[in-house]
């Protein structure tokens, strides 16, 4: 995908989100995307496949795949199982006030 196609996809996604979601839902979705991206990065840094995560966490690989693609909204317990298998956990921290 070239840069122009990626920019178009981003604009379309933002346009759809602005139509479908209220601001709180958009904020929640952004946090979810960041969390899932961090999980994907941690898994890849460790060189662990989705199948290996399945064995380690008990979460089925198709669920992990859908979560990583953003086509499902995983339960907190599912996220915690996956994080634990990566040697990670969640932490409650203040939100950064980067909005202008």
PDB file of N, CA and C in Angstrom:
ATOM      1  N   UNK A   1       0.856  -1.175   0.000  1.00  0.00           N
ATOM      2  CA  UNK A   1       0.000   0.000   0.000  1.00  0.00           C
ATOM      3  C   UNK A   1       0.895   1.230   0.000  1.00  0.00           C
ATOM      4  N   UNK A   2       0.671   2.099  -0.958  1.00  0.00           N
ATOM      5  CA  UNK A   2       1.499   3.295  -1.013  1.00  0.00           C
ATOM      6  C   UNK A   2       0.963   4.353  -0.044  1.00  0.00           C
ATOM      7  N   UNK A   3       1.744   5.423   0.110  1.00  0.00           N
ATOM      8  CA  UNK A   3       1.419   6.467   1.094  1.00  0.00           C
ATOM      9  C   UNK A   3       0.073   7.126   0.815  1.00  0.00           C
ATOM     10  N   UNK A   4      -0.233   7.366  -0.463  1.00  0.00           N
ATOM     11  CA  UNK A   4      -1.496   8.017  -0.818  1.00  0.00           C
ATOM     12  C   UNK A   4      -2.684   7.129  -0.440  1.00  0.00           C
ATOM     13  N   UNK A   5      -2.573   5.806  -0.711  1.00  0.00           N
ATOM     14  CA  UNK A   5      -3.650   4.875  -0.343  1.00  0.00           C
ATOM     15  C   UNK A   5      -3.822   4.820   1.168  1.00  0.00           C
ATOM     16  N   UNK A   6      -2.711   4.816   1.894  1.00  0.00           N
ATOM     17  CA  UNK A   6      -2.772   4.767   3.348  1.00  0.00           C
ATOM     18  C   UNK A   6      -3.452   6.033   3.887  1.00  0.00           C
ATOM     19  N   UNK A   7      -3.077   7.191   3.364  1.00  0.00           N
ATOM     20  CA  UNK A   7      -3.700   8.435   3.800  1.00  0.00           C
ATOM     21  C   UNK A   7      -5.194   8.431   3.506  1.00  0.00           C
ATOM     22  N   UNK A   8      -5.592   7.915   2.338  1.00  0.00           N
ATOM     23  CA  UNK A   8      -7.006   7.821   1.993  1.00  0.00           C
ATOM     24  C   UNK A   8      -7.728   6.930   2.989  1.00  0.00           C
ATOM     25  N   UNK A   9      -7.112   5.781   3.333  1.00  0.00           N
ATOM     26  CA  UNK A   9      -7.716   4.860   4.297  1.00  0.00           C
ATOM     27  C   UNK A   9      -7.886   5.522   5.658  1.00  0.00           C
ATOM     28  N   UNK A  10      -6.895   6.286   6.086  1.00  0.00           N
ATOM     29  CA  UNK A  10      -6.968   6.979   7.373  1.00  0.00           C
ATOM     30  C   UNK A  10      -8.098   8.002   7.356  1.00  0.00           C
ATOM     31  N   UNK A  11      -8.182   8.781   6.282  1.00  0.00           N
ATOM     32  CA  UNK A  11      -9.241   9.793   6.157  1.00  0.00           C
ATOM     33  C   UNK A  11     -10.614   9.130   6.153  1.00  0.00           C
ATOM     34  N   UNK A  12     -10.756   8.047   5.405  1.00  0.00           N
ATOM     35  CA  UNK A  12     -12.043   7.343   5.349  1.00  0.00           C
ATOM     36  C   UNK A  12     -12.412   6.780   6.713  1.00  0.00           C
ATOM     37  N   UNK A  13     -11.448   6.198   7.414  1.00  0.00           N
ATOM     38  CA  UNK A  13     -11.694   5.647   8.742  1.00  0.00           C
ATOM     39  C   UNK A  13     -12.144   6.753   9.695  1.00  0.00           C
ATOM     40  N   UNK A  14     -11.465   7.879   9.663  1.00  0.00           N
ATOM     41  CA  UNK A  14     -11.831   9.002  10.529  1.00  0.00           C
ATOM     42  C   UNK A  14     -13.220   9.533  10.177  1.00  0.00           C
ATOM     43  N   UNK A  15     -13.537   9.571   8.879  1.00  0.00           N
ATOM     44  CA  UNK A  15     -14.844  10.041   8.439  1.00  0.00           C
ATOM     45  C   UNK A  15     -15.946   9.101   8.928  1.00  0.00           C
ATOM     46  N   UNK A  16     -15.712   7.812   8.795  1.00  0.00           N
ATOM     47  CA  UNK A  16     -16.694   6.823   9.261  1.00  0.00           C
ATOM     48  C   UNK A  16     -16.856   6.922  10.770  1.00  0.00           C
ATOM     49  N   UNK A  17     -15.741   7.032  11.495  1.00  0.00           N
ATOM     50  CA  UNK A  17     -15.815   7.138  12.948  1.00  0.00           C
ATOM     51  C   UNK A  17     -16.572   8.384  13.371  1.00  0.00           C
ATOM     52  N   UNK A  18     -16.359   9.498  12.684  1.00  0.00           N
ATOM     53  CA  UNK A  18     -17.040  10.730  13.073  1.00  0.00           C
ATOM     54  C   UNK A  18     -18.540  10.622  12.849  1.00  0.00           C
ATOM     55  N   UNK A  19     -18.946   9.792  11.895  1.00  0.00           N
ATOM     56  CA  UNK A  19     -20.362   9.584  11.618  1.00  0.00           C
ATOM     57  C   UNK A  19     -20.985   8.607  12.612  1.00  0.00           C
ATOM     58  N   UNK A  20     -20.256   7.563  12.960  1.00  0.00           N
ATOM     59  CA  UNK A  20     -20.820   6.480  13.758  1.00  0.00           C
ATOM     60  C   UNK A  20     -20.666   6.642  15.260  1.00  0.00           C
ATOM     61  N   UNK A  21     -19.639   7.351  15.705  1.00  0.00           N
ATOM     62  CA  UNK A  21     -19.304   7.362  17.125  1.00  0.00           C
ATOM     63  C   UNK A  21     -19.377   8.756  17.720  1.00  0.00           C
ATOM     64  N   UNK A  22     -19.792   8.817  18.987  1.00  0.00           N
ATOM     65  CA  UNK A  22     -19.677  10.067  19.736  1.00  0.00           C
ATOM     66  C   UNK A  22     -18.229  10.189  20.199  1.00  0.00           C
ATOM     67  N   UNK A  23     -17.829  11.354  20.699  1.00  0.00           N
ATOM     68  CA  UNK A  23     -16.428  11.598  21.033  1.00  0.00           C
ATOM     69  C   UNK A  23     -15.887  10.584  22.050  1.00  0.00           C
ATOM     70  N   UNK A  24     -16.659  10.259  23.083  1.00  0.00           N
ATOM     71  CA  UNK A  24     -16.191   9.285  24.076  1.00  0.00           C
ATOM     72  C   UNK A  24     -15.904   7.929  23.440  1.00  0.00           C
ATOM     73  N   UNK A  25     -16.758   7.514  22.495  1.00  0.00           N
ATOM     74  CA  UNK A  25     -16.533   6.242  21.814  1.00  0.00           C
ATOM     75  C   UNK A  25     -15.286   6.301  20.944  1.00  0.00           C
ATOM     76  N   UNK A  26     -15.055   7.440  20.297  1.00  0.00           N
ATOM     77  CA  UNK A  26     -13.841   7.590  19.481  1.00  0.00           C
ATOM     78  C   UNK A  26     -12.599   7.528  20.361  1.00  0.00           C
ATOM     79  N   UNK A  27     -12.650   8.181  21.527  1.00  0.00           N
ATOM     80  CA  UNK A  27     -11.514   8.148  22.446  1.00  0.00           C
ATOM     81  C   UNK A  27     -11.248   6.730  22.923  1.00  0.00           C
ATOM     82  N   UNK A  28     -12.315   6.012  23.292  1.00  0.00           N
ATOM     83  CA  UNK A  28     -12.170   4.624  23.731  1.00  0.00           C
ATOM     84  C   UNK A  28     -11.581   3.763  22.632  1.00  0.00           C
ATOM     85  N   UNK A  29     -12.039   3.962  21.392  1.00  0.00           N
ATOM     86  CA  UNK A  29     -11.539   3.192  20.271  1.00  0.00           C
ATOM     87  C   UNK A  29     -10.048   3.462  20.052  1.00  0.00           C
ATOM     88  N   UNK A  30      -9.638   4.706  20.186  1.00  0.00           N
ATOM     89  CA  UNK A  30      -8.225   5.048  20.023  1.00  0.00           C
ATOM     90  C   UNK A  30      -7.356   4.369  21.063  1.00  0.00           C
ATOM     91  N   UNK A  31      -7.840   4.323  22.298  1.00  0.00           N
ATOM     92  CA  UNK A  31      -7.098   3.638  23.353  1.00  0.00           C
ATOM     93  C   UNK A  31      -7.022   2.140  23.087  1.00  0.00           C
ATOM     94  N   UNK A  32      -8.114   1.576  22.581  1.00  0.00           N
ATOM     95  CA  UNK A  32      -8.120   0.151  22.253  1.00  0.00           C
ATOM     96  C   UNK A  32      -7.105  -0.162  21.163  1.00  0.00           C
ATOM     97  N   UNK A  33      -7.056   0.686  20.151  1.00  0.00           N
ATOM     98  CA  UNK A  33      -6.102   0.485  19.056  1.00  0.00           C
ATOM     99  C   UNK A  33      -4.673   0.539  19.587  1.00  0.00           C
ATOM    100  N   UNK A  34      -4.389   1.509  20.448  1.00  0.00           N
ATOM    101  CA  UNK A  34      -3.043   1.604  21.034  1.00  0.00           C
ATOM    102  C   UNK A  34      -2.693   0.354  21.829  1.00  0.00           C
ATOM    103  N   UNK A  35      -3.644  -0.137  22.624  1.00  0.00           N
ATOM    104  CA  UNK A  35      -3.406  -1.339  23.423  1.00  0.00           C
ATOM    105  C   UNK A  35      -3.131  -2.541  22.531  1.00  0.00           C
ATOM    106  N   UNK A  36      -3.954  -2.757  21.532  1.00  0.00           N
ATOM    107  CA  UNK A  36      -3.779  -3.901  20.640  1.00  0.00           C
ATOM    108  C   UNK A  36      -2.455  -3.789  19.890  1.00  0.00           C
ATOM    109  N   UNK A  37      -2.120  -2.586  19.419  1.00  0.00           N
ATOM    110  CA  UNK A  37      -0.832  -2.401  18.736  1.00  0.00           C
ATOM    111  C   UNK A  37       0.337  -2.711  19.657  1.00  0.00           C
ATOM    112  N   UNK A  38       0.227  -2.329  20.925  1.00  0.00           N
ATOM    113  CA  UNK A  38       1.287  -2.650  21.886  1.00  0.00           C
ATOM    114  C   UNK A  38       1.405  -4.160  22.094  1.00  0.00           C
ATOM    115  N   UNK A  39       0.277  -4.850  22.120  1.00  0.00           N
ATOM    116  CA  UNK A  39       0.293  -6.311  22.261  1.00  0.00           C
ATOM    117  C   UNK A  39       0.960  -6.950  21.045  1.00  0.00           C
ATOM    118  N   UNK A  40       0.588  -6.489  19.854  1.00  0.00           N
ATOM    119  CA  UNK A  40       1.189  -7.022  18.623  1.00  0.00           C
ATOM    120  C   UNK A  40       2.696  -6.777  18.631  1.00  0.00           C
ATOM    121  N   UNK A  41       3.110  -5.567  18.984  1.00  0.00           N
ATOM    122  CA  UNK A  41       4.548  -5.237  19.027  1.00  0.00           C
ATOM    123  C   UNK A  41       5.285  -6.129  20.021  1.00  0.00           C
ATOM    124  N   UNK A  42       4.705  -6.337  21.194  1.00  0.00           N
ATOM    125  CA  UNK A  42       5.347  -7.179  22.213  1.00  0.00           C
ATOM    126  C   UNK A  42       5.475  -8.616  21.717  1.00  0.00           C
ATOM    127  N   UNK A  43       4.437  -9.122  21.092  1.00  0.00           N
ATOM    128  CA  UNK A  43       4.469 -10.487  20.569  1.00  0.00           C
ATOM    129  C   UNK A  43       5.550 -10.632  19.506  1.00  0.00           C
ATOM    130  N   UNK A  44       5.613  -9.675  18.594  1.00  0.00           N
ATOM    131  CA  UNK A  44       6.607  -9.744  17.507  1.00  0.00           C
ATOM    132  C   UNK A  44       8.027  -9.553  18.030  1.00  0.00           C
ATOM    133  N   UNK A  45       8.201  -8.649  19.017  1.00  0.00           N
ATOM    134  CA  UNK A  45       9.537  -8.454  19.606  1.00  0.00           C
ATOM    135  C   UNK A  45      10.071  -9.747  20.221  1.00  0.00           C
ATOM    136  N   UNK A  46       9.166 -10.500  20.818  1.00  0.00           N
ATOM    137  CA  UNK A  46       9.555 -11.770  21.436  1.00  0.00           C
ATOM    138  C   UNK A  46       9.675 -12.900  20.417  1.00  0.00           C
ATOM    139  N   UNK A  47       9.261 -12.627  19.177  1.00  0.00           N
ATOM    140  CA  UNK A  47       9.325 -13.653  18.135  1.00  0.00           C
ATOM    141  C   UNK A  47       8.329 -14.776  18.371  1.00  0.00           C
ATOM    142  N   UNK A  48       7.183 -14.432  18.949  1.00  0.00           N
ATOM    143  CA  UNK A  48       6.168 -15.423  19.296  1.00  0.00           C
ATOM    144  C   UNK A  48       5.030 -15.347  18.279  1.00  0.00           C
ATOM    145  N   UNK A  49       4.599 -16.508  17.812  1.00  0.00           N
ATOM    146  CA  UNK A  49       3.488 -16.559  16.860  1.00  0.00           C
ATOM    147  C   UNK A  49       2.154 -16.546  17.601  1.00  0.00           C
ATOM    148  N   UNK A  50       1.102 -16.308  16.830  1.00  0.00           N
ATOM    149  CA  UNK A  50      -0.236 -16.370  17.416  1.00  0.00           C
ATOM    150  C   UNK A  50      -0.532 -17.776  17.943  1.00  0.00           C
ATOM    151  N   UNK A  51      -0.067 -18.793  17.262  1.00  0.00           N
ATOM    152  CA  UNK A  51      -0.258 -20.184  17.720  1.00  0.00           C
ATOM    153  C   UNK A  51       0.447 -20.420  19.056  1.00  0.00           C
ATOM    154  N   UNK A  52       1.637 -19.852  19.215  1.00  0.00           N
ATOM    155  CA  UNK A  52       2.353 -20.005  20.478  1.00  0.00           C
ATOM    156  C   UNK A  52       1.607 -19.287  21.602  1.00  0.00           C
ATOM    157  N   UNK A  53       1.066 -18.115  21.299  1.00  0.00           N
ATOM    158  CA  UNK A  53       0.259 -17.404  22.301  1.00  0.00           C
ATOM    159  C   UNK A  53      -0.949 -18.246  22.686  1.00  0.00           C
ATOM    160  N   UNK A  54      -1.553 -18.900  21.704  1.00  0.00           N
ATOM    161  CA  UNK A  54      -2.688 -19.784  21.985  1.00  0.00           C
ATOM    162  C   UNK A  54      -2.292 -20.851  22.998  1.00  0.00           C
ATOM    163  N   UNK A  55      -1.143 -21.496  22.776  1.00  0.00           N
ATOM    164  CA  UNK A  55      -0.680 -22.536  23.692  1.00  0.00           C
ATOM    165  C   UNK A  55      -0.373 -21.992  25.081  1.00  0.00           C
ATOM    166  N   UNK A  56       0.186 -20.796  25.120  1.00  0.00           N
ATOM    167  CA  UNK A  56       0.598 -20.204  26.395  1.00  0.00           C
ATOM    168  C   UNK A  56      -0.565 -19.616  27.189  1.00  0.00           C
ATOM    169  N   UNK A  57      -1.574 -19.089  26.460  1.00  0.00           N
ATOM    170  CA  UNK A  57      -2.639 -18.348  27.136  1.00  0.00           C
ATOM    171  C   UNK A  57      -3.968 -19.086  27.212  1.00  0.00           C
ATOM    172  N   UNK A  58      -4.158 -20.051  26.323  1.00  0.00           N
ATOM    173  CA  UNK A  58      -5.446 -20.731  26.247  1.00  0.00           C
ATOM    174  C   UNK A  58      -6.457 -20.000  25.390  1.00  0.00           C
ATOM    175  N   UNK A  59      -6.067 -18.845  24.825  1.00  0.00           N
ATOM    176  CA  UNK A  59      -6.936 -18.086  23.933  1.00  0.00           C
ATOM    177  C   UNK A  59      -6.719 -18.631  22.524  1.00  0.00           C
ATOM    178  N   UNK A  60      -7.788 -19.037  21.866  1.00  0.00           N
ATOM    179  CA  UNK A  60      -7.686 -19.641  20.538  1.00  0.00           C
ATOM    180  C   UNK A  60      -7.082 -18.671  19.522  1.00  0.00           C
ATOM    181  N   UNK A  61      -6.259 -19.209  18.626  1.00  0.00           N
ATOM    182  CA  UNK A  61      -5.564 -18.405  17.626  1.00  0.00           C
ATOM    183  C   UNK A  61      -6.509 -17.567  16.771  1.00  0.00           C
ATOM    184  N   UNK A  62      -7.660 -18.094  16.328  1.00  0.00           N
ATOM    185  CA  UNK A  62      -8.552 -17.238  15.535  1.00  0.00           C
ATOM    186  C   UNK A  62      -9.042 -16.005  16.309  1.00  0.00           C
ATOM    187  N   UNK A  63      -9.217 -16.132  17.603  1.00  0.00           N
ATOM    188  CA  UNK A  63      -9.615 -14.991  18.430  1.00  0.00           C
ATOM    189  C   UNK A  63      -8.481 -13.976  18.487  1.00  0.00           C
ATOM    190  N   UNK A  64      -7.254 -14.469  18.647  1.00  0.00           N
ATOM    191  CA  UNK A  64      -6.080 -13.585  18.669  1.00  0.00           C
ATOM    192  C   UNK A  64      -5.965 -12.856  17.330  1.00  0.00           C
ATOM    193  N   UNK A  65      -6.158 -13.582  16.243  1.00  0.00           N
ATOM    194  CA  UNK A  65      -6.073 -12.983  14.906  1.00  0.00           C
ATOM    195  C   UNK A  65      -7.122 -11.888  14.733  1.00  0.00           C
ATOM    196  N   UNK A  66      -8.367 -12.177  15.118  1.00  0.00           N
ATOM    197  CA  UNK A  66      -9.432 -11.167  14.984  1.00  0.00           C
ATOM    198  C   UNK A  66      -9.140  -9.952  15.859  1.00  0.00           C
ATOM    199  N   UNK A  67      -8.607 -10.189  17.048  1.00  0.00           N
ATOM    200  CA  UNK A  67      -8.260  -9.091  17.941  1.00  0.00           C
ATOM    201  C   UNK A  67      -7.172  -8.220  17.305  1.00  0.00           C
ATOM    202  N   UNK A  68      -6.144  -8.849  16.756  1.00  0.00           N
ATOM    203  CA  UNK A  68      -5.036  -8.106  16.149  1.00  0.00           C
ATOM    204  C   UNK A  68      -5.472  -7.364  14.884  1.00  0.00           C
ATOM    205  N   UNK A  69      -6.436  -7.898  14.162  1.00  0.00           N
ATOM    206  CA  UNK A  69      -6.942  -7.222  12.958  1.00  0.00           C
ATOM    207  C   UNK A  69      -7.956  -6.145  13.298  1.00  0.00           C
ATOM    208  N   UNK A  70      -8.434  -6.127  14.525  1.00  0.00           N
ATOM    209  CA  UNK A  70      -9.398  -5.121  14.944  1.00  0.00           C
ATOM    210  C   UNK A  70     -10.821  -5.436  14.549  1.00  0.00           C
ATOM    211  N   UNK A  71     -11.103  -6.703  14.261  1.00  0.00           N
ATOM    212  CA  UNK A  71     -12.455  -7.074  13.853  1.00  0.00           C
ATOM    213  C   UNK A  71     -13.304  -7.575  15.009  1.00  0.00           C
ATOM    214  N   UNK A  72     -12.742  -7.566  16.216  1.00  0.00           N
ATOM    215  CA  UNK A  72     -13.494  -7.953  17.402  1.00  0.00           C
ATOM    216  C   UNK A  72     -13.064  -7.071  18.563  1.00  0.00           C
ATOM    217  N   UNK A  73     -13.921  -6.957  19.529  1.00  0.00           N
ATOM    218  CA  UNK A  73     -13.632  -6.193  20.734  1.00  0.00           C
ATOM    219  C   UNK A  73     -13.439  -7.205  21.868  1.00  0.00           C
ATOM    220  N   UNK A  74     -12.190  -7.559  22.182  1.00  0.00           N
ATOM    221  CA  UNK A  74     -11.962  -8.645  23.136  1.00  0.00           C
ATOM    222  C   UNK A  74     -12.379  -8.271  24.551  1.00  0.00           C
ATOM    223  N   UNK A  75     -12.754  -9.301  25.296  1.00  0.00           N
ATOM    224  CA  UNK A  75     -13.061  -9.117  26.706  1.00  0.00           C
ATOM    225  C   UNK A  75     -11.768  -8.808  27.456  1.00  0.00           C
ATOM    226  N   UNK A  76     -11.910  -8.129  28.558  1.00  0.00           N
ATOM    227  CA  UNK A  76     -10.740  -7.800  29.380  1.00  0.00           C
ATOM    228  C   UNK A  76     -10.006  -9.064  29.805  1.00  0.00           C
ATOM    229  N   UNK A  77     -10.733 -10.101  30.166  1.00  0.00           N
ATOM    230  CA  UNK A  77     -10.091 -11.350  30.591  1.00  0.00           C
ATOM    231  C   UNK A  77      -9.237 -11.946  29.472  1.00  0.00           C
ATOM    232  N   UNK A  78      -9.683 -11.807  28.236  1.00  0.00           N
ATOM    233  CA  UNK A  78      -8.910 -12.304  27.089  1.00  0.00           C
ATOM    234  C   UNK A  78      -7.623 -11.504  26.935  1.00  0.00           C
ATOM    235  N   UNK A  79      -7.725 -10.200  27.024  1.00  0.00           N
ATOM    236  CA  UNK A  79      -6.544  -9.332  26.911  1.00  0.00           C
ATOM    237  C   UNK A  79      -5.548  -9.670  28.022  1.00  0.00           C
ATOM    238  N   UNK A  80      -6.046  -9.856  29.239  1.00  0.00           N
ATOM    239  CA  UNK A  80      -5.159 -10.162  30.367  1.00  0.00           C
ATOM    240  C   UNK A  80      -4.462 -11.511  30.193  1.00  0.00           C
ATOM    241  N   UNK A  81      -5.154 -12.503  29.650  1.00  0.00           N
ATOM    242  CA  UNK A  81      -4.527 -13.812  29.396  1.00  0.00           C
ATOM    243  C   UNK A  81      -3.394 -13.672  28.387  1.00  0.00           C
ATOM    244  N   UNK A  82      -3.645 -12.919  27.330  1.00  0.00           N
ATOM    245  CA  UNK A  82      -2.623 -12.736  26.296  1.00  0.00           C
ATOM    246  C   UNK A  82      -1.440 -11.951  26.853  1.00  0.00           C
ATOM    247  N   UNK A  83      -1.728 -10.879  27.569  1.00  0.00           N
ATOM    248  CA  UNK A  83      -0.648 -10.088  28.164  1.00  0.00           C
ATOM    249  C   UNK A  83       0.185 -10.924  29.127  1.00  0.00           C
ATOM    250  N   UNK A  84      -0.475 -11.709  29.955  1.00  0.00           N
ATOM    251  CA  UNK A  84       0.239 -12.543  30.924  1.00  0.00           C
ATOM    252  C   UNK A  84       1.184 -13.518  30.225  1.00  0.00           C
ATOM    253  N   UNK A  85       0.734 -14.090  29.109  1.00  0.00           N
ATOM    254  CA  UNK A  85       1.591 -15.025  28.382  1.00  0.00           C
ATOM    255  C   UNK A  85       2.810 -14.333  27.778  1.00  0.00           C
ATOM    256  N   UNK A  86       2.718 -13.009  27.621  1.00  0.00           N
ATOM    257  CA  UNK A  86       3.850 -12.217  27.119  1.00  0.00           C
ATOM    258  C   UNK A  86       4.683 -11.628  28.261  1.00  0.00           C
ATOM    259  N   UNK A  87       4.308 -11.959  29.501  1.00  0.00           N
ATOM    260  CA  UNK A  87       5.013 -11.413  30.657  1.00  0.00           C
ATOM    261  C   UNK A  87       4.650  -9.960  30.922  1.00  0.00           C
ATOM    262  N   UNK A  88       3.443  -9.566  30.536  1.00  0.00           N
ATOM    263  CA  UNK A  88       2.990  -8.181  30.667  1.00  0.00           C
ATOM    264  C   UNK A  88       1.676  -8.140  31.454  1.00  0.00           C
ATOM    265  N   UNK A  89       1.278  -6.939  31.853  1.00  0.00           N
ATOM    266  CA  UNK A  89      -0.014  -6.713  32.482  1.00  0.00           C
ATOM    267  C   UNK A  89      -0.476  -5.301  32.159  1.00  0.00           C
ATOM    268  N   UNK A  90      -1.673  -4.972  32.589  1.00  0.00           N
ATOM    269  CA  UNK A  90      -2.178  -3.611  32.429  1.00  0.00           C
ATOM    270  C   UNK A  90      -1.845  -2.802  33.674  1.00  0.00           C
ATOM    271  N   UNK A  91      -1.748  -1.507  33.495  1.00  0.00           N
ATOM    272  CA  UNK A  91      -1.525  -0.597  34.608  1.00  0.00           C
ATOM    273  C   UNK A  91      -2.419   0.615  34.408  1.00  0.00           C
ATOM    274  N   UNK A  92      -2.994   1.087  35.479  1.00  0.00           N
ATOM    275  CA  UNK A  92      -3.842   2.269  35.402  1.00  0.00           C
ATOM    276  C   UNK A  92      -2.966   3.488  35.609  1.00  0.00           C
ATOM    277  N   UNK A  93      -2.978   4.370  34.607  1.00  0.00           N
ATOM    278  CA  UNK A  93      -2.167   5.585  34.643  1.00  0.00           C
ATOM    279  C   UNK A  93      -3.029   6.752  34.176  1.00  0.00           C
ATOM    280  N   UNK A  94      -2.675   7.966  34.562  1.00  0.00           N
ATOM    281  CA  UNK A  94      -3.446   9.126  34.087  1.00  0.00           C
ATOM    282  C   UNK A  94      -3.343   9.266  32.574  1.00  0.00           C
ATOM    283  N   UNK A  95      -4.434   9.720  31.965  1.00  0.00           N
ATOM    284  CA  UNK A  95      -4.404  10.022  30.540  1.00  0.00           C
ATOM    285  C   UNK A  95      -3.586  11.261  30.310  1.00  0.00           C
ATOM    286  N   UNK A  96      -2.836  11.282  29.222  1.00  0.00           N
ATOM    287  CA  UNK A  96      -2.063  12.465  28.876  1.00  0.00           C
ATOM    288  C   UNK A  96      -2.999  13.470  28.225  1.00  0.00           C
ATOM    289  N   UNK A  97      -2.833  14.716  28.557  1.00  0.00           N
ATOM    290  CA  UNK A  97      -3.648  15.773  27.987  1.00  0.00           C
ATOM    291  C   UNK A  97      -2.959  16.358  26.760  1.00  0.00           C
ATOM    292  N   UNK A  98      -2.975  15.591  25.660  1.00  0.00           N
ATOM    293  CA  UNK A  98      -2.329  16.033  24.416  1.00  0.00           C
ATOM    294  C   UNK A  98      -3.319  16.617  23.435  1.00  0.00           C
ATOM    295  N   UNK A  99      -4.580  16.683  23.809  1.00  0.00           N
ATOM    296  CA  UNK A  99      -5.596  17.198  22.894  1.00  0.00           C
ATOM    297  C   UNK A  99      -5.558  18.710  22.877  1.00  0.00           C
ATOM    298  N   UNK A 100      -5.645  19.265  21.691  1.00  0.00           N
ATOM    299  CA  UNK A 100      -5.614  20.720  21.555  1.00  0.00           C
ATOM    300  C   UNK A 100      -6.897  21.201  20.948  1.00  0.00           C
TER     301      UNK A 100
END
